[in-house]
Amino acid sequence: MDRTEQFLKELTETPGVPGYESQVRALMRRYLEPVATIEQDRIGSIIGKRVGQAESPRVMLVGHMDEIGFMVRHITKEGFIKFQPLGGWWDQVLLGQRVTVRTSKGDVIGVIGAKPPHLLPQDERTKVVQKKEMYIDIGATSKEEVAEVGVRLGDPIVPVSEFTLLANPKIYLAKAFDDRVGCALAVQVLERLAEGEHPNAAYAVGTVMEEVGLRGARTSAHVINPDVAVILEVDICGDVPGIKEEESAVKLGAGPTMLVYDSRMIPNLKLRDLVIATAEELDIPLQFSAMSGGATDGGAIHLHNEGVPTVVIGVPTRHIHSHSAIMHRDDYDRALDLVVALVKKLDAATVHALSF
């Protein structure tokens, strides 16, 4: 297991649902400290700053630390936990999955359940069970038993899924690639920049609470006041059954992606073209993506102050927003090469020209 693989394993296996990202932040801090000065915003986003040949332009490299998860909302008298989703969960991927309730007394394992199909009328068996009908079973038989193990209202609940290499060892399976992949890229870009010169100040940022409204993006942008931003994300693979090519042509292992549209942002066109030119120079295959049903931290950052030229670069990933997502190491490595080369081009004249 090389250093990148180890870093991705640590990041994805570390719990951090929206509002509860402290352990992910501590891990990012440990990796950033050798190459950056560290600061935080006041809601928990971490910012690693590395100054190159000049204090400006300020280049913001952003991955969000939070993963989708849940929160304890109610405990029934029989000892079952009703939960509040944190982030966008699709009902179909939940039943039968293991979760960890993180309590003041330690972790408690449970499983997501619902009324068994054997007891449902025939016409209800084919219907999707909604989240509001589900519960988490920790093996208790009363509300008092749940309290005894430390579970309280507001405790975070995290999916259980370990980092795994599949039959092809370049293919990784894990939870939370969305967006620990972006966090890893931001850190490793700074590590690469530390090996030489760059004409700007680069900021590796791990934001909080992206999945519940791009919250850390707003506050960290106020700390940095960036001149340009590169959002580092996963992207949705279109190479699985049921997706038409016109819906998504993104393929696993075919290179990093660039979003040309999402529901909250259209990229700065000159920055978009610079990404394309840089990929061509490095012979990196670049895929293009449009996401009408989602957004990234760029949706908040590009509107900071008078506006920030922003682009989103992604790593193709299957099955995001579930317990088990799949990514290809080659896509990650090419994304890293692309972003490092892009940052090295962002001198004062180039960044000024992006807006005029």
Protein backbone atom coordinates (compact mmCIF):
# COMPACT_ATOMS: atom_id res chain seq x y z
CA MET A 1 0.00 0.00 0.00
CA ASP A 2 1.65 3.24 -1.13
CA ARG A 3 1.26 6.58 0.61
CA THR A 4 -1.68 7.79 -1.50
CA GLU A 5 -3.57 4.54 -0.96
CA GLN A 6 -2.89 4.73 2.77
CA PHE A 7 -4.08 8.33 2.88
CA LEU A 8 -7.33 7.47 1.06
CA LYS A 9 -7.87 4.53 3.40
CA GLU A 10 -7.42 6.72 6.47
CA LEU A 11 -9.62 9.48 5.10
CA THR A 12 -12.52 7.26 4.04
CA GLU A 13 -12.52 5.15 7.19
CA THR A 14 -12.47 8.22 9.45
CA PRO A 15 -16.01 9.21 10.51
CA GLY A 16 -17.21 12.71 9.68
CA VAL A 17 -20.85 13.43 8.87
CA PRO A 18 -21.97 17.07 8.45
CA GLY A 19 -21.30 19.06 11.61
CA TYR A 20 -19.11 16.31 13.09
CA GLU A 21 -15.95 16.56 10.98
CA SER A 22 -13.39 16.98 13.80
CA GLN A 23 -11.61 13.65 13.26
CA VAL A 24 -11.25 14.25 9.52
CA ARG A 25 -9.93 17.73 10.26
CA ALA A 26 -7.32 16.30 12.65
CA LEU A 27 -6.18 13.84 9.99
CA MET A 28 -5.89 16.56 7.35
CA ARG A 29 -3.98 18.71 9.81
CA ARG A 30 -1.45 15.93 10.37
CA TYR A 31 -0.78 15.63 6.63
CA LEU A 32 -0.78 19.39 6.00
CA GLU A 33 1.50 20.52 8.84
CA PRO A 34 4.80 19.55 7.10
CA VAL A 35 3.98 21.69 4.03
CA ALA A 36 1.64 24.47 5.14
CA THR A 37 0.67 26.93 7.83
CA ILE A 38 -2.70 25.98 9.29
CA GLU A 39 -5.73 28.02 10.22
CA GLN A 40 -9.48 27.41 10.59
CA ASP A 41 -12.68 29.26 10.07
CA ARG A 42 -15.02 29.51 13.04
CA ILE A 43 -17.28 26.60 12.08
CA GLY A 44 -14.53 24.05 11.56
CA SER A 45 -13.17 24.19 8.01
CA ILE A 46 -9.40 23.67 7.88
CA ILE A 47 -7.12 25.80 5.69
CA GLY A 48 -3.52 24.96 4.82
CA LYS A 49 -1.61 27.85 3.25
CA ARG A 50 1.59 27.50 1.21
CA VAL A 51 3.13 30.66 -0.19
CA GLY A 52 5.21 30.30 -3.33
CA GLN A 53 6.96 33.13 -5.12
CA ALA A 54 4.26 35.63 -4.16
CA GLU A 55 1.48 36.15 -1.60
CA SER A 56 -1.00 36.51 -4.43
CA PRO A 57 -2.94 35.49 -6.38
CA ARG A 58 -4.65 33.38 -3.72
CA VAL A 59 -5.59 29.99 -5.19
CA MET A 60 -8.22 28.07 -3.21
CA LEU A 61 -8.19 24.26 -3.61
CA VAL A 62 -11.32 22.84 -2.02
CA GLY A 63 -12.53 19.41 -0.92
CA HIS A 64 -15.32 18.95 1.61
CA MET A 65 -14.64 16.84 4.70
CA ASP A 66 -18.19 15.76 5.46
CA GLU A 67 -19.76 12.53 4.25
CA ILE A 68 -23.47 11.81 4.15
CA GLY A 69 -24.80 10.16 7.28
CA PHE A 70 -27.50 10.49 9.91
CA MET A 71 -28.33 11.85 13.35
CA VAL A 72 -30.34 10.29 16.19
CA ARG A 73 -33.72 12.04 16.13
CA HIS A 74 -35.91 9.85 18.35
CA ILE A 75 -35.68 6.68 20.45
CA THR A 76 -38.83 4.57 20.73
CA LYS A 77 -39.93 2.97 24.00
CA GLU A 78 -39.01 -0.40 22.44
CA GLY A 79 -35.40 0.75 21.88
CA PHE A 80 -35.37 1.52 18.16
CA ILE A 81 -33.64 4.62 16.82
CA LYS A 82 -35.37 6.93 14.35
CA PHE A 83 -32.90 9.00 12.39
CA GLN A 84 -32.50 12.33 10.64
CA PRO A 85 -30.62 12.07 7.30
CA LEU A 86 -27.62 14.38 6.95
CA GLY A 87 -27.18 14.83 3.21
CA GLY A 88 -28.94 13.23 0.27
CA TRP A 89 -29.73 9.56 0.82
CA TRP A 90 -31.62 7.48 -1.73
CA ASP A 91 -34.11 5.25 0.09
CA GLN A 92 -33.22 2.15 -1.96
CA VAL A 93 -29.62 1.96 -0.69
CA LEU A 94 -30.37 1.97 3.05
CA LEU A 95 -32.15 -1.17 4.20
CA GLY A 96 -29.96 -3.87 5.73
CA GLN A 97 -26.87 -1.63 5.92
CA ARG A 98 -24.72 -1.42 9.04
CA VAL A 99 -24.11 1.90 10.77
CA THR A 100 -22.18 3.17 13.77
CA VAL A 101 -23.83 5.42 16.33
CA ARG A 102 -21.05 7.56 17.81
CA THR A 103 -21.87 8.16 21.48
CA SER A 104 -20.14 9.76 24.47
CA LYS A 105 -19.50 6.23 25.77
CA GLY A 106 -18.12 4.84 22.50
CA ASP A 107 -19.30 3.46 19.18
CA VAL A 108 -22.49 1.40 18.97
CA ILE A 109 -23.15 -0.77 15.91
CA GLY A 110 -26.63 -1.07 14.45
CA VAL A 111 -28.45 -2.03 11.28
CA ILE A 112 -31.09 -0.14 9.31
CA GLY A 113 -34.39 -2.01 9.25
CA ALA A 114 -38.07 -1.68 8.39
CA LYS A 115 -41.23 -3.77 8.55
CA PRO A 116 -40.38 -7.16 6.92
CA PRO A 117 -41.98 -7.94 3.55
CA HIS A 118 -43.51 -11.14 4.99
CA LEU A 119 -45.93 -8.96 6.96
CA LEU A 120 -46.76 -6.55 4.14
CA PRO A 121 -49.81 -6.84 1.87
CA GLN A 122 -48.89 -8.03 -1.61
CA ASP A 123 -49.48 -4.61 -3.17
CA GLU A 124 -47.00 -2.96 -0.77
CA ARG A 125 -44.13 -5.41 -1.27
CA THR A 126 -43.01 -3.82 -4.53
CA LYS A 127 -43.09 -0.26 -3.18
CA VAL A 128 -39.94 1.53 -2.06
CA VAL A 129 -39.74 1.81 1.72
CA GLN A 130 -39.32 5.46 2.68
CA LYS A 131 -36.70 6.64 5.19
CA LYS A 132 -39.40 7.82 7.58
CA GLU A 133 -40.55 4.20 7.93
CA MET A 134 -37.06 2.92 8.74
CA TYR A 135 -35.27 2.59 12.05
CA ILE A 136 -31.87 1.58 13.40
CA ASP A 137 -31.76 -1.58 15.47
CA ILE A 138 -28.85 -1.84 17.96
CA GLY A 139 -30.21 -4.99 19.55
CA ALA A 140 -31.97 -3.24 22.42
CA THR A 141 -35.45 -4.03 23.74
CA SER A 142 -36.21 -0.78 25.57
CA LYS A 143 -35.45 2.93 25.58
CA GLU A 144 -33.57 2.41 28.85
CA GLU A 145 -31.17 -0.10 27.26
CA VAL A 146 -30.38 2.41 24.52
CA ALA A 147 -29.63 5.08 27.14
CA GLU A 148 -27.38 2.68 29.08
CA VAL A 149 -24.99 2.32 26.11
CA GLY A 150 -24.81 6.09 25.76
CA VAL A 151 -27.04 6.87 22.78
CA ARG A 152 -28.55 10.36 22.98
CA LEU A 153 -30.58 12.56 20.67
CA GLY A 154 -28.25 14.39 18.30
CA ASP A 155 -25.57 11.69 18.21
CA PRO A 156 -24.06 11.27 14.72
CA ILE A 157 -24.56 8.03 12.80
CA VAL A 158 -21.96 6.92 10.25
CA PRO A 159 -22.06 4.20 7.55
CA VAL A 160 -19.89 1.14 8.17
CA SER A 161 -17.70 0.33 5.16
CA GLU A 162 -13.96 -0.34 5.13
CA PHE A 163 -11.57 0.69 2.37
CA THR A 164 -11.12 -2.32 0.04
CA LEU A 165 -9.08 -3.14 -3.05
CA LEU A 166 -11.13 -4.99 -5.66
CA ALA A 167 -9.94 -7.70 -8.08
CA ASN A 168 -8.15 -5.04 -10.07
CA PRO A 169 -5.94 -3.50 -7.36
CA LYS A 170 -6.26 -0.06 -8.98
CA ILE A 171 -9.99 -0.08 -8.21
CA TYR A 172 -10.91 1.10 -4.72
CA LEU A 173 -14.18 0.49 -2.84
CA ALA A 174 -15.09 2.62 0.19
CA LYS A 175 -17.59 4.96 1.76
CA ALA A 176 -17.05 8.72 1.80
CA PHE A 177 -15.08 9.10 -1.43
CA ASP A 178 -17.50 12.04 -1.69
CA ASP A 179 -15.54 14.02 -0.83
CA ARG A 180 -12.47 12.63 0.92
CA VAL A 181 -11.08 12.25 -2.61
CA GLY A 182 -11.14 16.04 -2.91
CA CYS A 183 -9.55 16.43 0.53
CA ALA A 184 -6.73 14.08 -0.44
CA LEU A 185 -6.15 15.92 -3.73
CA ALA A 186 -5.99 19.31 -2.00
CA VAL A 187 -3.38 18.07 0.48
CA GLN A 188 -1.31 16.25 -2.12
CA VAL A 189 -1.29 19.24 -4.47
CA LEU A 190 0.39 21.25 -1.69
CA GLU A 191 2.85 18.42 -1.09
CA ARG A 192 3.79 18.47 -4.77
CA LEU A 193 4.06 22.27 -4.83
CA ALA A 194 6.47 22.06 -1.89
CA GLU A 195 8.93 20.26 -4.16
CA GLY A 196 9.47 23.33 -6.35
CA GLU A 197 8.24 26.82 -7.15
CA HIS A 198 4.75 28.16 -7.81
CA PRO A 199 3.81 31.76 -8.59
CA ASN A 200 1.07 32.24 -6.02
CA ALA A 201 -0.24 31.38 -2.58
CA ALA A 202 -2.03 28.02 -2.63
CA TYR A 203 -4.63 27.09 -0.01
CA ALA A 204 -5.70 23.49 0.60
CA VAL A 205 -9.13 23.63 2.21
CA GLY A 206 -11.27 20.97 3.84
CA THR A 207 -14.73 22.48 4.22
CA VAL A 208 -17.47 21.44 6.62
CA MET A 209 -21.15 20.78 5.97
CA GLU A 210 -21.13 20.83 2.16
CA GLU A 211 -23.77 18.11 2.06
CA VAL A 212 -26.25 20.25 4.01
CA GLY A 213 -25.88 23.53 2.13
CA LEU A 214 -22.28 24.45 1.18
CA ARG A 215 -21.82 26.05 4.60
CA GLY A 216 -18.05 25.76 5.09
CA ALA A 217 -17.48 27.01 1.55
CA ARG A 218 -18.93 30.38 2.49
CA THR A 219 -17.01 30.84 5.73
CA SER A 220 -13.63 29.58 4.46
CA ALA A 221 -13.89 31.88 1.43
CA HIS A 222 -14.25 34.80 3.84
CA VAL A 223 -11.02 33.74 5.57
CA ILE A 224 -9.04 33.39 2.32
CA ASN A 225 -10.69 35.95 0.03
CA PRO A 226 -9.55 33.89 -2.99
CA ASP A 227 -8.66 35.21 -6.42
CA VAL A 228 -9.40 31.87 -8.10
CA ALA A 229 -10.84 28.56 -6.90
CA VAL A 230 -10.53 24.94 -7.99
CA ILE A 231 -13.15 22.64 -6.50
CA LEU A 232 -11.96 19.03 -6.15
CA GLU A 233 -14.78 16.52 -6.16
CA VAL A 234 -16.02 13.11 -7.19
CA ASP A 235 -18.09 12.93 -10.36
CA ILE A 236 -20.90 10.61 -11.32
CA CYS A 237 -19.97 7.70 -13.59
CA GLY A 238 -22.32 7.06 -16.48
CA ASP A 239 -20.90 3.64 -17.36
CA VAL A 240 -23.32 1.57 -15.28
CA PRO A 241 -26.50 -0.15 -16.55
CA GLY A 242 -29.49 2.11 -17.04
CA ILE A 243 -27.67 5.36 -17.85
CA LYS A 244 -27.86 6.66 -21.41
CA GLU A 245 -24.76 8.23 -22.95
CA GLU A 246 -26.56 11.54 -23.35
CA GLU A 247 -27.24 11.51 -19.59
CA SER A 248 -23.58 10.89 -18.72
CA ALA A 249 -20.66 9.70 -20.83
CA VAL A 250 -18.23 9.68 -17.88
CA LYS A 251 -16.38 6.38 -17.53
CA LEU A 252 -14.35 4.84 -14.74
CA GLY A 253 -10.63 4.85 -15.60
CA ALA A 254 -11.00 7.23 -18.56
CA GLY A 255 -9.48 10.26 -16.86
CA PRO A 256 -10.52 13.12 -14.57
CA THR A 257 -13.56 15.23 -15.35
CA MET A 258 -14.46 18.89 -15.56
CA LEU A 259 -17.97 20.09 -14.86
CA VAL A 260 -19.30 22.38 -17.57
CA TYR A 261 -22.57 22.89 -15.67
CA ASP A 262 -24.19 22.16 -12.33
CA SER A 263 -27.34 23.47 -10.67
CA ARG A 264 -25.48 26.26 -8.85
CA MET A 265 -22.58 27.22 -11.13
CA ILE A 266 -21.28 27.50 -14.66
CA PRO A 267 -17.46 27.57 -14.60
CA ASN A 268 -15.42 30.62 -15.51
CA LEU A 269 -14.96 30.11 -19.24
CA LYS A 270 -11.34 31.24 -19.46
CA LEU A 271 -10.41 29.04 -16.51
CA ARG A 272 -12.30 26.18 -18.14
CA ASP A 273 -10.27 26.65 -21.32
CA LEU A 274 -7.03 26.78 -19.33
CA VAL A 275 -7.88 23.43 -17.75
CA ILE A 276 -8.54 21.95 -21.21
CA ALA A 277 -5.28 23.31 -22.60
CA THR A 278 -3.30 22.06 -19.60
CA ALA A 279 -4.76 18.57 -19.93
CA GLU A 280 -3.87 18.52 -23.62
CA GLU A 281 -0.30 19.60 -22.90
CA LEU A 282 0.13 16.79 -20.36
CA ASP A 283 -1.67 14.24 -22.56
CA ILE A 284 -4.20 13.69 -19.78
CA PRO A 285 -7.59 12.46 -21.04
CA LEU A 286 -10.21 14.89 -19.77
CA GLN A 287 -13.88 13.97 -19.57
CA PHE A 288 -16.70 16.51 -19.48
CA SER A 289 -19.72 16.40 -17.24
CA ALA A 290 -22.98 18.28 -16.67
CA MET A 291 -24.90 17.77 -13.43
CA SER A 292 -28.36 19.27 -13.40
CA GLY A 293 -29.37 17.66 -10.11
CA GLY A 294 -26.56 18.66 -7.79
CA ALA A 295 -23.99 21.28 -6.84
CA THR A 296 -20.58 21.68 -5.23
CA ASP A 297 -18.83 24.12 -2.91
CA GLY A 298 -18.17 26.16 -6.04
CA GLY A 299 -21.80 27.27 -5.94
CA ALA A 300 -21.00 29.39 -2.88
CA ILE A 301 -17.35 30.26 -3.51
CA HIS A 302 -17.78 31.68 -7.02
CA LEU A 303 -20.22 34.24 -5.60
CA HIS A 304 -17.87 35.42 -2.84
CA ASN A 305 -17.49 39.22 -2.76
CA GLU A 306 -17.37 40.51 -6.34
CA GLY A 307 -16.98 36.98 -7.71
CA VAL A 308 -14.27 34.31 -7.93
CA PRO A 309 -13.29 32.50 -11.16
CA THR A 310 -14.04 28.88 -10.30
CA VAL A 311 -13.91 25.46 -11.92
CA VAL A 312 -14.74 21.94 -10.72
CA ILE A 313 -12.37 19.04 -11.43
CA GLY A 314 -13.62 15.58 -10.52
CA VAL A 315 -12.62 11.95 -10.11
CA PRO A 316 -15.20 9.60 -11.71
CA THR A 317 -16.90 7.51 -9.03
CA ARG A 318 -19.64 4.90 -9.12
CA HIS A 319 -22.36 4.58 -6.47
CA ILE A 320 -21.75 7.85 -4.62
CA HIS A 321 -24.13 8.63 -1.75
CA SER A 322 -24.19 5.02 -0.64
CA HIS A 323 -22.22 2.79 1.73
CA SER A 324 -19.87 1.62 -1.04
CA ALA A 325 -18.50 3.78 -3.86
CA ILE A 326 -15.93 2.75 -6.49
CA MET A 327 -13.10 4.81 -8.00
CA HIS A 328 -10.04 4.14 -10.19
CA ARG A 329 -6.58 5.11 -8.97
CA ASP A 330 -5.47 6.23 -12.45
CA ASP A 331 -8.23 8.85 -12.51
CA TYR A 332 -7.06 10.16 -9.15
CA ASP A 333 -3.39 10.33 -10.18
CA ARG A 334 -4.22 12.12 -13.43
CA ALA A 335 -6.41 14.60 -11.57
CA LEU A 336 -3.52 15.31 -9.22
CA ASP A 337 -1.10 15.90 -12.10
CA LEU A 338 -3.61 18.17 -13.81
CA VAL A 339 -4.30 20.34 -10.78
CA VAL A 340 -0.61 20.72 -9.89
CA ALA A 341 0.16 21.87 -13.43
CA LEU A 342 -2.84 24.21 -13.43
CA VAL A 343 -1.84 25.88 -10.16
CA LYS A 344 1.67 26.46 -11.46
CA LYS A 345 0.18 28.47 -14.35
CA LEU A 346 -1.90 30.74 -12.14
CA ASP A 347 0.37 33.77 -11.85
CA ALA A 348 -0.96 37.29 -11.32
CA ALA A 349 -1.34 38.14 -15.02
CA THR A 350 -3.12 34.87 -15.83
CA VAL A 351 -5.57 35.16 -12.94
CA HIS A 352 -6.29 38.83 -13.73
CA ALA A 353 -7.09 37.88 -17.33
CA LEU A 354 -9.67 35.30 -16.22
CA SER A 355 -12.15 38.02 -15.37
CA PHE A 356 -11.57 40.46 -18.23
